[in-house]
Amino acid sequence: MRLVIFNGSPRGLKSNSLTIMKHFQEGIQSSSSENEAETVNLIEYQKDYSPIHERLIKADNALFAFPLYVDSMPGFVMGFFESLLVLKDSLKGKIFLFSIQCGFPETINLRAVEKLLERLPGKLGATYGGCICRGGMEGARYMPEDYPAFQKYRELGKIYAETGKLDPEILVELAKPERIPKPMMLIARMLNFTGIFNGYWNRQLKANGSYNRRFARPYKP
């Protein structure tokens, strides 16, 4: 099997999506030495996607990985999909897989874009092969190799290489929690008053000189 993985994160080589897909790719290659998997960073081609069209055409299947951006996909990822319309006849018979993740702890945040992805391959002449959804992955690139979720991605890749399908039980496990339990939500709301959840974002705002304008409302009438 020849699989091409398209990393749709704006962070490119330093992204959580690439880190996650590395483990899925390891699972695929552990199944058989004949399995091939290569990764393409879409951000490097956003001015012209035509040079990487041929890689998709030559592959048996494709996996598109990206983070949630404003409840959908990054704009340049949609631009890549739009560029595939001219390849519609060449994509017949190819399986499109997706892996989406977000920093929000609840996987339910990904379900809307998942519905879009279920329909997208058909519009491009390909076949939908499933979607891996996982919340709480903002710090994936800093997590150790033995992180439990990474092991599940490796298992998922190995099983996919052997069966051609994403294991539904592993997909369910990776998606937990779909929603945060109410008792935990109550605790989180109380902790929110301490400012503990704003530390990272406040540092980012200060680093970019925007902290004093964090409550700005430029579009207010």
Protein backbone atom coordinates (compact mmCIF):
# COMPACT_ATOMS: atom_id res chain seq x y z
CA MET A 1 0.00 0.00 0.00
CA ARG A 2 1.21 3.47 -0.88
CA LEU A 3 -0.16 6.24 1.34
CA VAL A 4 0.48 9.96 1.11
CA ILE A 5 -0.17 12.03 4.25
CA PHE A 6 -0.92 15.70 3.75
CA ASN A 7 -0.13 17.78 6.82
CA GLY A 8 -2.53 20.72 6.80
CA SER A 9 -1.24 22.55 9.85
CA PRO A 10 0.01 26.14 9.45
CA ARG A 11 2.86 25.20 11.81
CA GLY A 12 4.29 22.80 9.24
CA LEU A 13 7.27 20.86 10.57
CA LYS A 14 6.62 22.05 14.14
CA SER A 15 2.96 21.05 14.22
CA ASN A 16 0.93 18.77 16.45
CA SER A 17 -0.68 17.26 13.35
CA LEU A 18 2.69 16.14 12.01
CA THR A 19 3.63 14.68 15.41
CA ILE A 20 0.39 12.72 15.57
CA MET A 21 0.66 11.42 12.01
CA LYS A 22 4.21 10.24 12.65
CA HIS A 23 2.77 7.61 14.99
CA PHE A 24 0.06 6.56 12.54
CA GLN A 25 2.73 6.24 9.86
CA GLU A 26 4.91 4.12 12.16
CA GLY A 27 1.98 1.77 12.66
CA ILE A 28 1.50 1.39 8.93
CA GLN A 29 5.15 0.67 8.27
CA SER A 30 5.37 -1.80 11.16
CA SER A 31 2.79 -3.99 9.46
CA SER A 32 4.89 -4.68 6.38
CA SER A 33 8.09 -3.39 4.82
CA GLU A 34 6.19 -3.16 1.53
CA ASN A 35 3.94 -0.40 2.87
CA GLU A 36 5.01 3.08 1.86
CA ALA A 37 3.95 6.31 3.52
CA GLU A 38 5.24 9.79 2.77
CA THR A 39 4.31 13.13 4.29
CA VAL A 40 3.74 16.41 2.49
CA ASN A 41 3.51 19.74 4.35
CA LEU A 42 0.82 21.67 2.52
CA ILE A 43 1.91 25.03 3.94
CA GLU A 44 5.06 24.79 1.80
CA TYR A 45 2.98 24.70 -1.40
CA GLN A 46 0.13 27.08 -0.62
CA LYS A 47 1.08 29.42 -3.48
CA ASP A 48 0.91 26.59 -6.01
CA TYR A 49 -0.39 23.09 -5.25
CA SER A 50 0.16 21.65 -8.73
CA PRO A 51 3.65 20.23 -7.94
CA ILE A 52 2.15 17.86 -5.35
CA HIS A 53 -0.87 16.73 -7.36
CA GLU A 54 1.18 13.97 -8.94
CA ARG A 55 2.02 12.50 -5.52
CA LEU A 56 -1.68 12.14 -4.80
CA ILE A 57 -2.37 10.56 -8.18
CA LYS A 58 0.40 7.98 -7.71
CA ALA A 59 -0.71 7.04 -4.17
CA ASP A 60 -3.26 4.33 -3.41
CA ASN A 61 -4.82 6.30 -0.58
CA ALA A 62 -4.45 9.72 1.02
CA LEU A 63 -4.74 10.95 4.59
CA PHE A 64 -5.37 14.62 5.29
CA ALA A 65 -4.44 15.81 8.79
CA PHE A 66 -5.14 19.26 10.15
CA PRO A 67 -6.12 21.12 13.33
CA LEU A 68 -9.46 22.76 13.95
CA TYR A 69 -9.40 26.42 12.90
CA VAL A 70 -12.44 28.56 13.78
CA ASP A 71 -14.61 25.41 13.90
CA SER A 72 -13.45 24.32 10.44
CA MET A 73 -10.27 23.65 8.48
CA PRO A 74 -7.42 26.09 7.81
CA GLY A 75 -8.16 28.20 4.72
CA PHE A 76 -5.16 26.97 2.71
CA VAL A 77 -6.31 23.37 3.27
CA MET A 78 -9.65 24.20 1.66
CA GLY A 79 -7.66 25.88 -1.11
CA PHE A 80 -5.84 22.58 -1.68
CA PHE A 81 -9.10 20.65 -1.88
CA GLU A 82 -10.45 23.18 -4.38
CA SER A 83 -7.31 22.67 -6.49
CA LEU A 84 -8.18 18.96 -6.73
CA LEU A 85 -11.36 19.63 -8.72
CA VAL A 86 -9.36 19.49 -11.95
CA LEU A 87 -8.15 15.99 -10.97
CA LYS A 88 -11.62 14.56 -10.38
CA ASP A 89 -11.30 11.83 -13.05
CA SER A 90 -7.85 10.82 -11.74
CA LEU A 91 -9.06 10.44 -8.16
CA LYS A 92 -11.66 7.75 -8.83
CA GLY A 93 -11.04 4.68 -6.67
CA LYS A 94 -8.80 6.49 -4.21
CA ILE A 95 -9.64 6.44 -0.51
CA PHE A 96 -9.53 9.72 1.40
CA LEU A 97 -8.91 9.49 5.15
CA PHE A 98 -8.88 12.37 7.58
CA SER A 99 -7.31 13.05 10.96
CA ILE A 100 -8.48 16.16 12.79
CA GLN A 101 -7.57 17.37 16.24
CA CYS A 102 -7.96 20.41 18.42
CA GLY A 103 -6.78 21.87 21.70
CA PHE A 104 -10.28 21.87 23.15
CA PRO A 105 -10.64 18.87 25.48
CA GLU A 106 -14.06 17.86 24.10
CA THR A 107 -14.06 16.00 20.79
CA ILE A 108 -17.58 17.23 20.07
CA ASN A 109 -15.94 20.43 18.80
CA LEU A 110 -14.72 18.47 15.77
CA ARG A 111 -18.01 16.88 14.75
CA ALA A 112 -19.24 19.70 12.52
CA VAL A 113 -16.16 19.67 10.30
CA GLU A 114 -16.26 15.85 10.35
CA LYS A 115 -19.70 16.02 8.69
CA LEU A 116 -18.22 18.21 5.97
CA LEU A 117 -15.37 15.76 5.42
CA GLU A 118 -17.79 12.86 5.01
CA ARG A 119 -19.17 14.54 1.87
CA LEU A 120 -16.00 16.12 0.51
CA PRO A 121 -14.32 13.08 -1.14
CA GLY A 122 -17.41 12.33 -3.21
CA LYS A 123 -17.36 15.84 -4.65
CA LEU A 124 -13.77 15.23 -5.76
CA GLY A 125 -14.41 11.79 -7.29
CA ALA A 126 -12.80 9.88 -4.41
CA THR A 127 -14.23 7.66 -1.64
CA TYR A 128 -14.53 8.56 2.02
CA GLY A 129 -12.54 6.18 4.24
CA GLY A 130 -13.17 7.57 7.70
CA CYS A 131 -12.08 10.31 10.08
CA ILE A 132 -9.92 10.18 13.22
CA CYS A 133 -11.05 12.75 15.80
CA ARG A 134 -9.18 13.70 18.93
CA GLY A 135 -9.49 16.65 21.32
CA GLY A 136 -6.98 17.95 23.86
CA MET A 137 -3.97 17.71 21.54
CA GLU A 138 -2.58 21.25 21.58
CA GLY A 139 0.61 20.08 23.31
CA ALA A 140 1.06 16.85 21.33
CA ARG A 141 4.47 17.88 20.00
CA TYR A 142 5.76 18.06 23.59
CA MET A 143 4.35 14.73 24.76
CA PRO A 144 6.57 11.64 25.31
CA GLU A 145 6.69 8.77 22.84
CA ASP A 146 4.85 6.48 25.27
CA TYR A 147 1.86 8.83 25.57
CA PRO A 148 -1.21 6.49 25.51
CA ALA A 149 -2.92 8.30 22.63
CA PHE A 150 0.19 7.89 20.46
CA GLN A 151 0.07 4.15 21.05
CA LYS A 152 -3.53 4.11 19.81
CA TYR A 153 -2.53 6.00 16.66
CA ARG A 154 0.17 3.41 16.03
CA GLU A 155 -2.31 0.57 16.55
CA LEU A 156 -4.77 2.30 14.26
CA GLY A 157 -2.14 2.62 11.55
CA LYS A 158 -1.09 -1.02 11.83
CA ILE A 159 -4.67 -2.29 11.63
CA TYR A 160 -5.41 0.02 8.73
CA ALA A 161 -2.43 -1.35 6.81
CA GLU A 162 -3.66 -4.91 7.41
CA THR A 163 -7.39 -4.43 6.79
CA GLY A 164 -7.78 -1.24 4.80
CA LYS A 165 -10.14 0.14 7.44
CA LEU A 166 -9.93 2.37 10.50
CA ASP A 167 -10.74 0.30 13.57
CA PRO A 168 -14.03 1.65 14.99
CA GLU A 169 -13.21 0.71 18.59
CA ILE A 170 -9.94 2.63 18.54
CA LEU A 171 -11.68 5.61 16.95
CA VAL A 172 -14.13 5.65 19.86
CA GLU A 173 -11.29 5.43 22.41
CA LEU A 174 -9.34 8.24 20.77
CA ALA A 175 -12.44 10.45 20.74
CA LYS A 176 -12.87 10.34 24.53
CA PRO A 177 -14.01 12.54 26.12
CA GLU A 178 -16.76 13.49 23.68
CA ARG A 179 -17.99 15.87 26.37
CA ILE A 180 -16.50 16.80 29.72
CA PRO A 181 -18.56 15.26 32.58
CA LYS A 182 -20.69 17.80 34.44
CA PRO A 183 -18.80 17.43 37.77
CA MET A 184 -15.54 18.26 36.00
CA MET A 185 -17.19 21.22 34.27
CA LEU A 186 -18.22 22.63 37.64
CA ILE A 187 -14.65 22.31 38.91
CA ALA A 188 -13.33 23.94 35.74
CA ARG A 189 -15.68 26.88 36.12
CA MET A 190 -14.46 27.48 39.64
CA LEU A 191 -10.82 27.24 38.57
CA ASN A 192 -11.48 29.66 35.74
CA PHE A 193 -11.82 32.48 38.25
CA THR A 194 -8.18 31.95 39.24
CA GLY A 195 -7.01 32.72 35.69
CA ILE A 196 -5.21 29.39 35.44
CA PHE A 197 -6.61 28.69 31.97
CA ASN A 198 -5.52 32.06 30.57
CA GLY A 199 -1.81 31.79 31.31
CA TYR A 200 -0.72 30.41 27.94
CA TRP A 201 -2.90 32.78 25.93
CA ASN A 202 -1.86 35.82 27.96
CA ARG A 203 1.79 35.00 27.27
CA GLN A 204 1.01 34.79 23.56
CA LEU A 205 -0.82 38.12 23.64
CA LYS A 206 2.06 39.83 25.44
CA ALA A 207 4.63 38.33 23.07
CA ASN A 208 2.70 39.82 20.15
CA GLY A 209 2.05 43.19 21.80
CA SER A 210 -1.70 42.63 21.96
CA TYR A 211 -2.33 42.08 25.65
CA ASN A 212 -3.71 45.58 26.33
CA ARG A 213 -6.10 45.21 23.40
CA ARG A 214 -7.37 41.73 24.23
CA PHE A 215 -10.91 42.97 24.83
CA ALA A 216 -11.03 45.19 21.74
CA ARG A 217 -14.23 45.09 19.70
CA PRO A 218 -13.24 46.65 16.35
CA TYR A 219 -16.45 45.65 14.59
CA LYS A 220 -18.82 46.97 17.23
CA PRO A 221 -21.33 49.39 15.60
